[in-house]
């Protein structure tokens, strides 16, 4: 996993229990829109889910990602 991908996932692991990272912080830290950020997180969850999370936690994170993508339309 690339350092950038790891940083994205680490950030979201901290924030998904609270509904995902704040828009402003996502933009400041990663220089991208919510939509671009959550598309990347979604792709990473499909290809390289965090090994430190249980399958149930990964499913909860996917749910947060889907919701935030829906809101970002």
Protein backbone atom coordinates (compact mmCIF):
# COMPACT_ATOMS: atom_id res chain seq x y z
CA UNK A 1 0.00 0.00 0.00
CA UNK A 2 1.29 3.44 -0.90
CA UNK A 3 1.94 5.99 1.87
CA UNK A 4 -0.83 8.19 0.41
CA UNK A 5 -3.35 5.32 0.52
CA UNK A 6 -2.31 4.49 4.07
CA UNK A 7 -2.75 8.12 5.14
CA UNK A 8 -6.23 8.24 3.58
CA UNK A 9 -7.30 5.04 5.33
CA UNK A 10 -5.76 6.05 8.67
CA UNK A 11 -7.70 9.31 8.56
CA UNK A 12 -10.98 7.58 7.78
CA UNK A 13 -10.44 4.86 10.40
CA UNK A 14 -10.33 7.65 12.99
CA UNK A 15 -13.42 9.39 11.61
CA UNK A 16 -15.84 6.75 10.30
CA UNK A 17 -17.43 6.11 13.73
CA UNK A 18 -18.46 9.79 13.67
CA UNK A 19 -19.85 9.73 10.13
CA UNK A 20 -16.61 10.33 8.24
CA UNK A 21 -14.04 13.08 8.24
CA UNK A 22 -15.12 16.73 8.24
CA UNK A 23 -15.26 18.28 4.77
CA UNK A 24 -12.96 21.14 5.68
CA UNK A 25 -10.36 18.84 7.19
CA UNK A 26 -10.50 16.52 4.15
CA UNK A 27 -9.88 19.49 1.88
CA UNK A 28 -7.08 20.92 4.06
CA UNK A 29 -5.26 17.63 4.61
CA UNK A 30 -5.71 15.98 1.21
CA UNK A 31 -6.57 18.86 -1.14
CA UNK A 32 -9.63 17.12 -2.55
CA UNK A 33 -13.39 17.35 -2.45
CA UNK A 34 -15.50 15.07 -0.29
CA UNK A 35 -16.61 13.18 -3.37
CA UNK A 36 -13.07 12.54 -4.62
CA UNK A 37 -11.92 11.55 -1.13
CA UNK A 38 -14.75 9.08 -0.53
CA UNK A 39 -14.40 7.60 -4.02
CA UNK A 40 -10.75 6.88 -3.18
CA UNK A 41 -11.70 5.42 0.21
CA UNK A 42 -14.33 3.24 -1.46
CA UNK A 43 -11.76 1.97 -3.96
CA UNK A 44 -9.27 1.24 -1.17
CA UNK A 45 -11.89 -0.66 0.82
CA UNK A 46 -12.47 -2.83 -2.26
CA UNK A 47 -8.79 -3.48 -2.92
CA UNK A 48 -6.92 -3.01 0.38
CA UNK A 49 -9.24 -2.89 3.42
CA UNK A 50 -7.52 -2.00 6.70
CA UNK A 51 -6.14 -5.17 8.26
CA UNK A 52 -6.58 -3.69 11.73
CA UNK A 53 -10.36 -3.60 11.36
CA UNK A 54 -12.78 -6.47 11.70
CA UNK A 55 -15.03 -7.34 8.75
CA UNK A 56 -17.94 -5.78 10.66
CA UNK A 57 -16.02 -2.52 11.11
CA UNK A 58 -15.10 -2.48 7.42
CA UNK A 59 -18.79 -2.92 6.56
CA UNK A 60 -19.66 0.01 8.84
CA UNK A 61 -16.98 2.10 7.15
CA UNK A 62 -18.43 1.18 3.73
CA UNK A 63 -21.84 2.34 4.95
CA UNK A 64 -20.39 5.71 5.97
CA UNK A 65 -18.64 6.01 2.60
CA UNK A 66 -21.84 5.25 0.67
CA UNK A 67 -23.75 7.83 2.69
CA UNK A 68 -21.13 10.52 2.21
CA UNK A 69 -20.97 9.82 -1.53
CA UNK A 70 -24.74 10.14 -1.71
CA UNK A 71 -24.56 13.47 0.17
CA UNK A 72 -21.75 14.76 -2.08
CA UNK A 73 -23.83 14.56 -5.28
